């Protein structure tokens, strides 16, 4: 699905703007992409969130993606837009907002889902960036998962996409999907692109969720 989305975007607009999910769930997906037959020069990579850790810390989302995929393909360095979480949540958030200032709708946003319904670094009880005029990026403090400082794209910015796909793995996450479909107000529900979202559960079941 990712490569077909890329092919369509490149054919229609000459570029593919792709937002990556963090965490461990998409690791296998990224590894598989390293062998994909595509025009890498047209890919532009962004991150849905990042942990405020040193650049080479193995817990960094950008580090994981680089190790299993991005360092193995010839995407131009200027088109790899990492969040500079090492600068701290506030400064990194402001810098990434500037990076996104001239970027229109993303072609594809890939997201994960936590047991509590969080996605990217949008957690229950925290700001999600859903009110009119919300900024593209959020500085996250006191996150319920370590590390406490993070940077996240807002729900409003993640929703400005032609396609949004959630990849969900693990039995405990299925409960969150069921609650989501039942209408519970979890952070993932705040992602509301015009086309709705697709949820890929354990890489076997594609469940469209309309808003």
N, C-alpha and C. Protein backbone atom coordinates (compact mmCIF):
# COMPACT_ATOMS: atom_id res chain seq x y z
N UNK A 1 0.82 -1.20 0.00
CA UNK A 1 0.00 0.00 0.00
C UNK A 1 0.86 1.26 0.00
N UNK A 2 1.98 1.26 0.72
CA UNK A 2 2.83 2.44 0.77
C UNK A 2 3.44 2.70 -0.59
N UNK A 3 3.96 1.67 -1.23
CA UNK A 3 4.60 1.86 -2.53
C UNK A 3 3.58 2.25 -3.60
N UNK A 4 2.37 1.75 -3.50
CA UNK A 4 1.34 2.14 -4.48
C UNK A 4 0.93 3.59 -4.26
N UNK A 5 0.87 4.01 -3.01
CA UNK A 5 0.58 5.41 -2.71
C UNK A 5 1.68 6.31 -3.25
N UNK A 6 2.92 5.85 -3.08
CA UNK A 6 4.05 6.62 -3.59
C UNK A 6 4.00 6.73 -5.11
N UNK A 7 3.72 5.62 -5.77
CA UNK A 7 3.67 5.63 -7.23
C UNK A 7 2.59 6.57 -7.74
N UNK A 8 1.45 6.58 -7.08
CA UNK A 8 0.36 7.47 -7.49
C UNK A 8 0.74 8.93 -7.29
N UNK A 9 1.32 9.24 -6.13
CA UNK A 9 1.70 10.62 -5.85
C UNK A 9 2.77 11.11 -6.82
N UNK A 10 3.75 10.27 -7.08
CA UNK A 10 4.84 10.66 -7.99
C UNK A 10 4.30 10.85 -9.40
N UNK A 11 3.40 9.98 -9.82
CA UNK A 11 2.80 10.11 -11.16
C UNK A 11 1.98 11.39 -11.27
N UNK A 12 1.22 11.71 -10.24
CA UNK A 12 0.30 12.85 -10.32
C UNK A 12 0.94 14.18 -9.96
N UNK A 13 1.91 14.16 -9.00
CA UNK A 13 2.45 15.43 -8.51
C UNK A 13 3.97 15.50 -8.52
N UNK A 14 4.64 14.42 -8.86
CA UNK A 14 6.09 14.43 -8.98
C UNK A 14 6.83 14.27 -7.66
N UNK A 15 6.10 14.17 -6.54
CA UNK A 15 6.71 14.03 -5.23
C UNK A 15 5.82 13.17 -4.35
N UNK A 16 6.43 12.57 -3.33
CA UNK A 16 5.69 11.76 -2.36
C UNK A 16 6.07 12.22 -0.97
N UNK A 17 5.12 12.81 -0.26
CA UNK A 17 5.36 13.33 1.09
C UNK A 17 4.76 12.36 2.10
N UNK A 18 5.63 11.70 2.86
CA UNK A 18 5.28 10.56 3.70
C UNK A 18 5.67 10.83 5.15
N UNK A 19 4.70 10.70 6.06
CA UNK A 19 4.94 10.89 7.49
C UNK A 19 5.05 9.53 8.16
N UNK A 20 6.13 9.33 8.91
CA UNK A 20 6.41 8.04 9.52
C UNK A 20 5.88 7.95 10.95
N UNK A 21 5.40 6.77 11.28
CA UNK A 21 5.04 6.45 12.66
C UNK A 21 6.31 6.07 13.42
N UNK A 22 6.28 6.29 14.73
CA UNK A 22 7.40 5.87 15.57
C UNK A 22 7.09 4.57 16.28
N UNK A 23 7.89 4.25 17.29
CA UNK A 23 7.68 3.01 18.03
C UNK A 23 8.22 1.81 17.28
N UNK A 24 7.98 0.64 17.83
CA UNK A 24 8.54 -0.59 17.26
C UNK A 24 7.65 -1.25 16.22
N UNK A 25 6.36 -0.96 16.24
CA UNK A 25 5.43 -1.66 15.34
C UNK A 25 5.79 -1.54 13.86
N UNK A 26 6.17 -0.35 13.36
CA UNK A 26 6.43 -0.25 11.91
C UNK A 26 7.83 -0.69 11.49
N UNK A 27 8.63 -1.19 12.41
CA UNK A 27 10.01 -1.53 12.07
C UNK A 27 10.09 -2.50 10.88
N UNK A 28 9.28 -3.54 10.90
CA UNK A 28 9.29 -4.50 9.81
C UNK A 28 8.84 -3.89 8.49
N UNK A 29 7.90 -2.98 8.56
CA UNK A 29 7.43 -2.29 7.35
C UNK A 29 8.57 -1.49 6.74
N UNK A 30 9.28 -0.74 7.58
CA UNK A 30 10.38 0.07 7.07
C UNK A 30 11.50 -0.80 6.50
N UNK A 31 11.77 -1.90 7.16
CA UNK A 31 12.81 -2.80 6.64
C UNK A 31 12.43 -3.31 5.26
N UNK A 32 11.16 -3.65 5.08
CA UNK A 32 10.70 -4.12 3.78
C UNK A 32 10.80 -3.05 2.71
N UNK A 33 10.59 -1.80 3.08
CA UNK A 33 10.66 -0.72 2.10
C UNK A 33 12.06 -0.54 1.53
N UNK A 34 13.08 -0.98 2.26
CA UNK A 34 14.45 -0.76 1.80
C UNK A 34 14.73 -1.44 0.46
N UNK A 35 13.90 -2.42 0.11
CA UNK A 35 14.09 -3.12 -1.17
C UNK A 35 13.03 -2.75 -2.20
N UNK A 36 12.24 -1.74 -1.92
CA UNK A 36 11.14 -1.37 -2.82
C UNK A 36 11.66 -0.75 -4.11
N UNK A 37 11.06 -1.12 -5.24
CA UNK A 37 11.43 -0.51 -6.53
C UNK A 37 10.65 0.80 -6.70
N UNK A 38 11.30 1.92 -6.51
CA UNK A 38 10.62 3.21 -6.56
C UNK A 38 11.63 4.30 -6.88
N UNK A 39 11.14 5.45 -7.20
CA UNK A 39 12.00 6.60 -7.47
C UNK A 39 12.27 7.32 -6.15
N UNK A 40 13.33 6.93 -5.47
CA UNK A 40 13.62 7.48 -4.16
C UNK A 40 13.86 8.98 -4.20
N UNK A 41 14.27 9.51 -5.33
CA UNK A 41 14.57 10.94 -5.40
C UNK A 41 13.32 11.79 -5.23
N UNK A 42 12.14 11.18 -5.33
CA UNK A 42 10.88 11.91 -5.20
C UNK A 42 10.28 11.82 -3.80
N UNK A 43 10.90 11.05 -2.92
CA UNK A 43 10.36 10.86 -1.57
C UNK A 43 10.80 11.98 -0.63
N UNK A 44 9.86 12.45 0.17
CA UNK A 44 10.12 13.42 1.24
C UNK A 44 9.60 12.80 2.54
N UNK A 45 10.47 12.68 3.52
CA UNK A 45 10.15 11.95 4.74
C UNK A 45 10.01 12.90 5.93
N UNK A 46 8.94 12.71 6.69
CA UNK A 46 8.67 13.48 7.90
C UNK A 46 8.36 12.49 9.03
N UNK A 47 8.30 13.00 10.25
CA UNK A 47 8.03 12.15 11.41
C UNK A 47 6.81 12.68 12.16
N UNK A 48 5.95 11.76 12.58
CA UNK A 48 4.75 12.17 13.32
C UNK A 48 5.09 12.66 14.71
N UNK A 49 6.19 12.15 15.28
CA UNK A 49 6.62 12.59 16.59
C UNK A 49 8.05 12.16 16.83
N UNK A 50 8.62 12.70 17.88
CA UNK A 50 9.99 12.32 18.24
C UNK A 50 10.19 12.48 19.74
N UNK A 51 11.09 11.66 20.27
CA UNK A 51 11.44 11.72 21.68
C UNK A 51 12.64 12.66 21.84
N UNK A 52 12.63 13.44 22.89
CA UNK A 52 13.72 14.39 23.13
C UNK A 52 14.90 13.66 23.75
N UNK A 53 15.69 13.06 22.88
CA UNK A 53 16.85 12.26 23.24
C UNK A 53 17.99 12.59 22.28
N UNK A 54 19.22 12.22 22.57
CA UNK A 54 20.34 12.46 21.65
C UNK A 54 20.08 11.80 20.29
N UNK A 55 20.63 12.37 19.21
CA UNK A 55 20.35 11.88 17.85
C UNK A 55 20.60 10.39 17.63
N UNK A 56 21.61 9.82 18.29
CA UNK A 56 21.95 8.41 18.06
C UNK A 56 21.35 7.48 19.10
N UNK A 57 20.51 8.00 19.97
CA UNK A 57 19.86 7.15 20.96
C UNK A 57 18.96 6.14 20.25
N UNK A 58 19.07 4.86 20.58
CA UNK A 58 18.27 3.84 19.90
C UNK A 58 16.76 4.01 20.08
N UNK A 59 16.35 4.82 21.08
CA UNK A 59 14.92 5.06 21.29
C UNK A 59 14.38 6.17 20.41
N UNK A 60 15.25 6.83 19.66
CA UNK A 60 14.78 7.88 18.76
C UNK A 60 14.07 7.25 17.57
N UNK A 61 12.92 7.78 17.20
CA UNK A 61 12.19 7.27 16.04
C UNK A 61 13.00 7.45 14.76
N UNK A 62 13.67 8.57 14.62
CA UNK A 62 14.47 8.82 13.43
C UNK A 62 15.64 7.84 13.33
N UNK A 63 16.18 7.44 14.48
CA UNK A 63 17.32 6.52 14.47
C UNK A 63 16.87 5.14 14.00
N UNK A 64 15.74 4.67 14.52
CA UNK A 64 15.24 3.36 14.10
C UNK A 64 14.98 3.33 12.60
N UNK A 65 14.30 4.36 12.09
CA UNK A 65 13.98 4.39 10.66
C UNK A 65 15.25 4.45 9.81
N UNK A 66 16.26 5.18 10.28
CA UNK A 66 17.52 5.26 9.54
C UNK A 66 18.23 3.92 9.49
N UNK A 67 18.26 3.23 10.61
CA UNK A 67 19.00 1.96 10.67
C UNK A 67 18.40 0.89 9.77
N UNK A 68 17.08 0.78 9.76
CA UNK A 68 16.47 -0.32 9.02
C UNK A 68 16.07 0.04 7.60
N UNK A 69 16.09 1.33 7.27
CA UNK A 69 15.58 1.73 5.96
C UNK A 69 16.28 2.94 5.35
N UNK A 70 16.18 4.09 5.99
CA UNK A 70 16.55 5.34 5.33
C UNK A 70 18.02 5.43 4.97
N UNK A 71 18.90 4.82 5.77
CA UNK A 71 20.33 4.83 5.46
C UNK A 71 20.66 3.89 4.31
N UNK A 72 19.69 3.10 3.86
CA UNK A 72 19.96 2.08 2.84
C UNK A 72 19.42 2.46 1.46
N UNK A 73 18.75 3.60 1.37
CA UNK A 73 18.15 4.01 0.10
C UNK A 73 18.60 5.43 -0.24
N UNK A 74 18.61 5.79 -1.54
CA UNK A 74 19.16 7.09 -1.95
C UNK A 74 18.18 8.25 -1.94
N UNK A 75 17.43 8.40 -0.84
CA UNK A 75 16.61 9.60 -0.70
C UNK A 75 17.56 10.77 -0.43
N UNK A 76 17.45 11.88 -1.16
CA UNK A 76 18.33 13.02 -0.90
C UNK A 76 18.26 13.47 0.56
N UNK A 77 19.40 13.76 1.15
CA UNK A 77 19.47 14.11 2.56
C UNK A 77 18.56 15.30 2.89
N UNK A 78 18.46 16.23 1.96
CA UNK A 78 17.64 17.43 2.20
C UNK A 78 16.15 17.10 2.28
N UNK A 79 15.79 15.89 1.87
CA UNK A 79 14.38 15.48 1.89
C UNK A 79 14.05 14.56 3.07
N UNK A 80 15.01 14.39 3.97
CA UNK A 80 14.79 13.63 5.19
C UNK A 80 14.65 14.62 6.34
N UNK A 81 13.43 14.81 6.79
CA UNK A 81 13.14 15.88 7.75
C UNK A 81 12.95 15.33 9.15
N UNK A 82 14.06 15.09 9.84
CA UNK A 82 14.00 14.61 11.22
C UNK A 82 13.62 15.75 12.16
N UNK A 83 12.98 15.40 13.26
CA UNK A 83 12.68 16.36 14.32
C UNK A 83 13.89 16.41 15.25
N UNK A 84 14.40 17.59 15.53
CA UNK A 84 15.62 17.70 16.33
C UNK A 84 15.30 17.68 17.82
N UNK A 85 14.83 16.53 18.26
CA UNK A 85 14.40 16.39 19.64
C UNK A 85 15.50 16.65 20.65
N UNK A 86 16.76 16.52 20.24
CA UNK A 86 17.87 16.75 21.16
C UNK A 86 17.94 18.20 21.65
N UNK A 87 17.24 19.09 20.96
CA UNK A 87 17.24 20.51 21.34
C UNK A 87 16.22 20.83 22.42
N UNK A 88 15.42 19.86 22.81
CA UNK A 88 14.36 20.10 23.77
C UNK A 88 13.03 20.31 23.07
N UNK A 89 11.95 20.05 23.78
CA UNK A 89 10.63 20.02 23.16
C UNK A 89 10.24 21.35 22.52
N UNK A 90 10.46 22.45 23.20
CA UNK A 90 9.99 23.73 22.69
C UNK A 90 10.74 24.16 21.44
N UNK A 91 12.06 24.16 21.50
CA UNK A 91 12.84 24.60 20.35
C UNK A 91 12.66 23.66 19.16
N UNK A 92 12.66 22.36 19.42
CA UNK A 92 12.48 21.39 18.34
C UNK A 92 11.11 21.54 17.70
N UNK A 93 10.10 21.79 18.52
CA UNK A 93 8.74 21.98 17.99
C UNK A 93 8.69 23.20 17.09
N UNK A 94 9.29 24.28 17.51
CA UNK A 94 9.27 25.51 16.70
C UNK A 94 10.03 25.32 15.39
N UNK A 95 11.15 24.62 15.44
CA UNK A 95 11.93 24.40 14.23
C UNK A 95 11.18 23.51 13.25
N UNK A 96 10.48 22.51 13.77
CA UNK A 96 9.76 21.61 12.86
C UNK A 96 8.54 22.30 12.26
N UNK A 97 7.93 23.18 13.01
CA UNK A 97 6.82 23.96 12.46
C UNK A 97 7.30 24.78 11.27
N UNK A 98 8.51 25.30 11.37
CA UNK A 98 9.06 26.06 10.25
C UNK A 98 9.35 25.14 9.07
N UNK A 99 9.82 23.93 9.34
CA UNK A 99 10.05 22.95 8.27
C UNK A 99 8.77 22.67 7.50
N UNK A 100 7.66 22.59 8.23
CA UNK A 100 6.38 22.22 7.62
C UNK A 100 5.64 23.40 7.01
N UNK A 101 6.14 24.60 7.21
CA UNK A 101 5.40 25.80 6.82
C UNK A 101 5.04 25.83 5.35
N UNK A 102 5.92 25.33 4.49
CA UNK A 102 5.66 25.36 3.05
C UNK A 102 5.18 24.02 2.50
N UNK A 103 4.91 23.08 3.38
CA UNK A 103 4.46 21.74 2.97
C UNK A 103 2.94 21.71 2.95
N UNK A 104 2.37 21.29 1.84
CA UNK A 104 0.91 21.18 1.76
C UNK A 104 0.42 19.90 2.40
N UNK A 105 -0.63 19.33 1.85
CA UNK A 105 -1.18 18.09 2.38
C UNK A 105 -0.17 16.96 2.21
N UNK A 106 0.02 16.18 3.26
CA UNK A 106 0.84 14.98 3.14
C UNK A 106 0.14 13.99 2.21
N UNK A 107 0.92 13.18 1.51
CA UNK A 107 0.33 12.14 0.67
C UNK A 107 -0.10 10.94 1.50
N UNK A 108 0.72 10.56 2.47
CA UNK A 108 0.41 9.42 3.33
C UNK A 108 0.96 9.67 4.72
N UNK A 109 0.12 9.44 5.73
CA UNK A 109 0.53 9.51 7.13
C UNK A 109 0.37 8.12 7.72
N UNK A 110 1.45 7.57 8.25
CA UNK A 110 1.43 6.27 8.91
C UNK A 110 1.49 6.51 10.41
N UNK A 111 0.57 5.90 11.15
CA UNK A 111 0.50 6.10 12.59
C UNK A 111 0.36 4.78 13.32
N UNK A 112 0.77 4.77 14.57
CA UNK A 112 0.54 3.63 15.44
C UNK A 112 -0.58 3.94 16.42
N UNK A 113 -0.86 3.01 17.29
CA UNK A 113 -1.92 3.17 18.27
C UNK A 113 -1.48 2.52 19.58
N UNK A 114 -1.56 3.27 20.67
CA UNK A 114 -1.21 2.74 21.97
C UNK A 114 -2.41 2.11 22.66
N UNK A 115 -2.14 1.37 23.72
CA UNK A 115 -3.21 0.71 24.46
C UNK A 115 -4.20 1.72 25.04
N UNK A 116 -3.72 2.93 25.32
CA UNK A 116 -4.58 3.98 25.87
C UNK A 116 -5.22 4.83 24.79
N UNK A 117 -5.02 4.44 23.52
CA UNK A 117 -5.60 5.20 22.42
C UNK A 117 -4.72 6.32 21.92
N UNK A 118 -3.51 6.46 22.46
CA UNK A 118 -2.66 7.56 21.98
C UNK A 118 -2.09 7.22 20.61
N UNK A 119 -1.76 8.26 19.88
CA UNK A 119 -1.09 8.11 18.60
C UNK A 119 -0.10 9.24 18.45
N UNK A 120 0.99 9.01 17.71
CA UNK A 120 2.12 9.93 17.71
C UNK A 120 2.46 10.18 19.19
N UNK A 121 2.61 11.44 19.61
CA UNK A 121 2.76 11.71 21.05
C UNK A 121 1.59 12.55 21.53
N UNK A 122 0.41 12.17 21.07
CA UNK A 122 -0.85 12.78 21.51
C UNK A 122 -1.46 11.83 22.53
N UNK A 123 -1.40 12.20 23.79
CA UNK A 123 -1.81 11.32 24.88
C UNK A 123 -3.12 11.78 25.51
N UNK A 124 -3.88 10.85 26.09
CA UNK A 124 -5.08 11.25 26.84
C UNK A 124 -4.71 12.24 27.94
N UNK A 125 -5.53 13.26 28.10
CA UNK A 125 -5.28 14.24 29.14
C UNK A 125 -4.29 15.32 28.76
N UNK A 126 -3.75 15.28 27.54
CA UNK A 126 -2.81 16.28 27.06
C UNK A 126 -3.41 17.01 25.86
N UNK A 127 -2.74 18.05 25.43
CA UNK A 127 -3.16 18.81 24.25
C UNK A 127 -3.01 17.97 22.99
N UNK A 128 -4.04 17.99 22.13
CA UNK A 128 -3.99 17.24 20.87
C UNK A 128 -3.88 18.14 19.65
N UNK A 129 -4.15 19.41 19.84
CA UNK A 129 -4.08 20.32 18.70
C UNK A 129 -5.27 20.16 17.77
N UNK A 130 -6.47 20.27 18.32
CA UNK A 130 -7.68 20.06 17.52
C UNK A 130 -8.53 21.31 17.37
N UNK A 131 -8.24 22.35 18.13
CA UNK A 131 -9.06 23.56 18.05
C UNK A 131 -8.68 24.35 16.81
N UNK A 132 -9.59 25.16 16.27
CA UNK A 132 -9.26 25.99 15.10
C UNK A 132 -8.01 26.83 15.35
N UNK A 133 -7.14 26.85 14.37
CA UNK A 133 -5.91 27.61 14.51
C UNK A 133 -4.80 26.89 15.23
N UNK A 134 -4.98 25.61 15.52
CA UNK A 134 -3.93 24.84 16.20
C UNK A 134 -2.65 24.84 15.38
N UNK A 135 -1.53 24.88 16.06
CA UNK A 135 -0.25 24.87 15.37
C UNK A 135 0.03 23.48 14.81
N UNK A 136 0.97 23.44 13.88
CA UNK A 136 1.31 22.16 13.25
C UNK A 136 2.03 21.22 14.20
N UNK A 137 2.78 21.77 15.14
CA UNK A 137 3.58 20.95 16.05
C UNK A 137 3.27 21.30 17.49
N UNK A 138 3.49 20.34 18.36
CA UNK A 138 3.24 20.52 19.79
C UNK A 138 4.47 20.11 20.58
N UNK A 139 4.84 20.93 21.55
CA UNK A 139 5.86 20.56 22.52
C UNK A 139 5.16 19.80 23.64
N UNK A 140 5.60 18.58 23.88
CA UNK A 140 4.94 17.70 24.86
C UNK A 140 5.82 17.58 26.10
N UNK A 141 5.23 17.85 27.26
CA UNK A 141 5.93 17.71 28.53
C UNK A 141 5.16 16.73 29.41
N UNK A 142 5.86 16.09 30.32
CA UNK A 142 5.24 15.16 31.28
C UNK A 142 4.42 14.09 30.57
N UNK A 143 4.97 13.56 29.48
CA UNK A 143 4.29 12.46 28.78
C UNK A 143 4.18 11.26 29.71
N UNK A 144 3.11 10.48 29.63
CA UNK A 144 2.95 9.32 30.52
C UNK A 144 3.89 8.17 30.19
N UNK A 145 4.58 8.26 29.05
CA UNK A 145 5.59 7.27 28.70
C UNK A 145 6.93 7.98 28.58
N UNK A 146 8.00 7.31 28.98
CA UNK A 146 9.33 7.90 28.88
C UNK A 146 9.78 7.98 27.42
N UNK A 147 10.55 9.01 27.09
CA UNK A 147 10.94 10.14 27.93
C UNK A 147 9.79 11.15 28.05
N UNK A 148 9.80 11.97 29.09
CA UNK A 148 8.67 12.87 29.31
C UNK A 148 8.57 14.01 28.31
N UNK A 149 9.70 14.42 27.72
CA UNK A 149 9.66 15.48 26.71
C UNK A 149 9.65 14.89 25.31
N UNK A 150 8.72 15.39 24.50
CA UNK A 150 8.57 14.91 23.13
C UNK A 150 8.09 16.06 22.24
N UNK A 151 8.14 15.82 20.95
CA UNK A 151 7.54 16.72 19.96
C UNK A 151 6.57 15.90 19.14
N UNK A 152 5.40 16.45 18.88
CA UNK A 152 4.40 15.72 18.10
C UNK A 152 3.77 16.64 17.07
N UNK A 153 3.46 16.11 15.91
CA UNK A 153 2.58 16.82 15.01
C UNK A 153 1.20 16.86 15.64
N UNK A 154 0.50 17.94 15.46
CA UNK A 154 -0.83 18.08 16.03
C UNK A 154 -1.83 17.23 15.26
N UNK A 155 -2.97 16.95 15.88
CA UNK A 155 -4.02 16.20 15.21
C UNK A 155 -4.49 16.93 13.95
N UNK A 156 -4.55 18.26 14.03
CA UNK A 156 -4.96 19.04 12.87
C UNK A 156 -4.01 18.86 11.72
N UNK A 157 -2.69 18.88 12.00
CA UNK A 157 -1.71 18.73 10.91
C UNK A 157 -1.68 17.32 10.38
N UNK A 158 -1.79 16.34 11.24
CA UNK A 158 -1.81 14.94 10.78
C UNK A 158 -3.04 14.67 9.93
N UNK A 159 -4.10 15.40 10.18
CA UNK A 159 -5.33 15.21 9.42
C UNK A 159 -5.27 15.84 8.03
N UNK A 160 -4.31 16.73 7.82
CA UNK A 160 -4.18 17.37 6.52
C UNK A 160 -3.37 16.45 5.61
N UNK A 161 -4.03 15.39 5.17
CA UNK A 161 -3.36 14.34 4.40
C UNK A 161 -4.35 13.69 3.45
N UNK A 162 -3.82 13.22 2.35
CA UNK A 162 -4.66 12.52 1.38
C UNK A 162 -5.02 11.11 1.86
N UNK A 163 -4.16 10.53 2.66
CA UNK A 163 -4.41 9.19 3.17
C UNK A 163 -3.76 9.04 4.54
N UNK A 164 -4.48 8.46 5.48
CA UNK A 164 -3.95 8.17 6.81
C UNK A 164 -4.17 6.70 7.11
N UNK A 165 -3.11 6.03 7.52
CA UNK A 165 -3.19 4.59 7.80
C UNK A 165 -2.59 4.32 9.19
N UNK A 166 -3.37 3.66 10.04
CA UNK A 166 -2.90 3.21 11.34
C UNK A 166 -2.46 1.75 11.23
N UNK A 167 -1.32 1.44 11.80
CA UNK A 167 -0.84 0.06 11.86
C UNK A 167 -0.84 -0.36 13.32
N UNK A 168 -1.61 -1.40 13.63
CA UNK A 168 -1.85 -1.80 15.02
C UNK A 168 -1.42 -3.25 15.20
N UNK A 169 -0.62 -3.50 16.24
CA UNK A 169 -0.14 -4.85 16.49
C UNK A 169 -0.28 -5.18 17.97
N UNK A 170 -0.76 -6.37 18.27
CA UNK A 170 -0.88 -6.82 19.65
C UNK A 170 -2.33 -6.86 20.10
N UNK A 171 -2.67 -7.91 20.84
CA UNK A 171 -4.05 -8.12 21.29
C UNK A 171 -4.56 -6.95 22.11
N UNK A 172 -3.70 -6.38 22.97
CA UNK A 172 -4.14 -5.28 23.82
C UNK A 172 -4.54 -4.06 23.01
N UNK A 173 -3.96 -3.90 21.82
CA UNK A 173 -4.30 -2.76 20.97
C UNK A 173 -5.67 -2.95 20.33
N UNK A 174 -6.10 -4.20 20.19
CA UNK A 174 -7.40 -4.45 19.57
C UNK A 174 -8.52 -3.83 20.41
N UNK A 175 -8.32 -3.81 21.71
CA UNK A 175 -9.32 -3.19 22.59
C UNK A 175 -9.45 -1.71 22.28
N UNK A 176 -8.32 -1.06 22.07
CA UNK A 176 -8.34 0.37 21.72
C UNK A 176 -9.05 0.59 20.39
N UNK A 177 -8.83 -0.31 19.42
CA UNK A 177 -9.53 -0.19 18.14
C UNK A 177 -11.03 -0.33 18.34
N UNK A 178 -11.44 -1.30 19.16
CA UNK A 178 -12.87 -1.50 19.41
C UNK A 178 -13.49 -0.28 20.08
N UNK A 179 -12.78 0.30 21.03
CA UNK A 179 -13.28 1.50 21.71
C UNK A 179 -13.38 2.67 20.73
N UNK A 180 -12.42 2.77 19.86
CA UNK A 180 -12.41 3.80 18.84
C UNK A 180 -13.63 3.67 17.93
N UNK A 181 -13.87 2.46 17.45
CA UNK A 181 -15.01 2.23 16.56
C UNK A 181 -16.34 2.45 17.28
N UNK A 182 -16.32 2.28 18.61
CA UNK A 182 -17.54 2.49 19.39
C UNK A 182 -17.78 3.96 19.71
N UNK A 183 -16.83 4.82 19.33
CA UNK A 183 -17.02 6.25 19.50
C UNK A 183 -16.33 6.86 20.70
N UNK A 184 -15.49 6.10 21.41
CA UNK A 184 -14.79 6.66 22.57
C UNK A 184 -13.84 7.75 22.11
N UNK A 185 -13.77 8.82 22.90
CA UNK A 185 -12.95 9.97 22.53
C UNK A 185 -11.50 9.74 22.92
N UNK A 186 -10.79 8.99 22.12
CA UNK A 186 -9.38 8.73 22.33
C UNK A 186 -8.58 9.62 21.37
N UNK A 187 -7.30 9.85 21.63
CA UNK A 187 -6.51 10.72 20.75
C UNK A 187 -6.56 10.32 19.29
N UNK A 188 -6.51 9.02 18.99
CA UNK A 188 -6.53 8.59 17.59
C UNK A 188 -7.77 9.09 16.86
N UNK A 189 -8.86 9.26 17.58
CA UNK A 189 -10.10 9.71 16.96
C UNK A 189 -10.02 11.16 16.50
N UNK A 190 -9.05 11.90 17.02
CA UNK A 190 -8.88 13.30 16.64
C UNK A 190 -8.24 13.45 15.26
N UNK A 191 -7.72 12.36 14.71
CA UNK A 191 -7.14 12.40 13.37
C UNK A 191 -8.29 12.23 12.38
N UNK A 192 -8.64 13.30 11.68
CA UNK A 192 -9.87 13.30 10.88
C UNK A 192 -9.64 13.84 9.47
N UNK A 193 -8.91 13.11 8.63
CA UNK A 193 -8.77 13.54 7.24
C UNK A 193 -10.10 13.39 6.50
N UNK A 194 -10.24 14.11 5.42
CA UNK A 194 -11.49 14.07 4.67
C UNK A 194 -11.86 12.67 4.21
N UNK A 195 -10.86 11.87 3.88
CA UNK A 195 -11.12 10.53 3.36
C UNK A 195 -11.29 9.48 4.46
N UNK A 196 -11.28 9.90 5.75
CA UNK A 196 -11.31 8.93 6.83
C UNK A 196 -9.96 8.26 6.97
N UNK A 197 -9.86 7.27 7.82
CA UNK A 197 -8.60 6.58 8.04
C UNK A 197 -8.78 5.08 7.83
N UNK A 198 -7.67 4.42 7.53
CA UNK A 198 -7.65 2.96 7.45
C UNK A 198 -6.86 2.43 8.63
N UNK A 199 -7.30 1.30 9.17
CA UNK A 199 -6.60 0.68 10.30
C UNK A 199 -6.19 -0.72 9.90
N UNK A 200 -4.90 -0.96 9.88
CA UNK A 200 -4.34 -2.27 9.53
C UNK A 200 -3.98 -2.97 10.83
N UNK A 201 -4.76 -3.98 11.19
CA UNK A 201 -4.59 -4.67 12.47
C UNK A 201 -3.75 -5.92 12.29
N UNK A 202 -2.59 -5.94 12.96
CA UNK A 202 -1.66 -7.07 12.86
C UNK A 202 -1.34 -7.41 11.42
N UNK A 203 -1.32 -6.39 10.57
CA UNK A 203 -0.96 -6.55 9.16
C UNK A 203 -1.84 -7.54 8.43
N UNK A 204 -3.06 -7.80 8.92
CA UNK A 204 -3.91 -8.76 8.24
C UNK A 204 -5.30 -8.22 7.96
N UNK A 205 -5.79 -7.29 8.75
CA UNK A 205 -7.17 -6.87 8.63
C UNK A 205 -7.24 -5.36 8.41
N UNK A 206 -7.74 -4.95 7.26
CA UNK A 206 -7.87 -3.54 6.93
C UNK A 206 -9.27 -3.09 7.28
N UNK A 207 -9.36 -2.18 8.24
CA UNK A 207 -10.66 -1.73 8.74
C UNK A 207 -10.81 -0.24 8.50
N UNK A 208 -11.66 0.19 7.56
CA UNK A 208 -11.85 1.62 7.39
C UNK A 208 -12.67 2.20 8.53
N UNK A 209 -12.24 3.36 9.03
CA UNK A 209 -12.99 4.05 10.07
C UNK A 209 -13.32 5.42 9.55
N UNK A 210 -14.58 5.67 9.34
CA UNK A 210 -15.03 6.96 8.83
C UNK A 210 -15.35 7.87 10.00
N UNK A 211 -15.22 9.18 9.81
CA UNK A 211 -15.53 10.14 10.85
C UNK A 211 -16.81 10.89 10.47
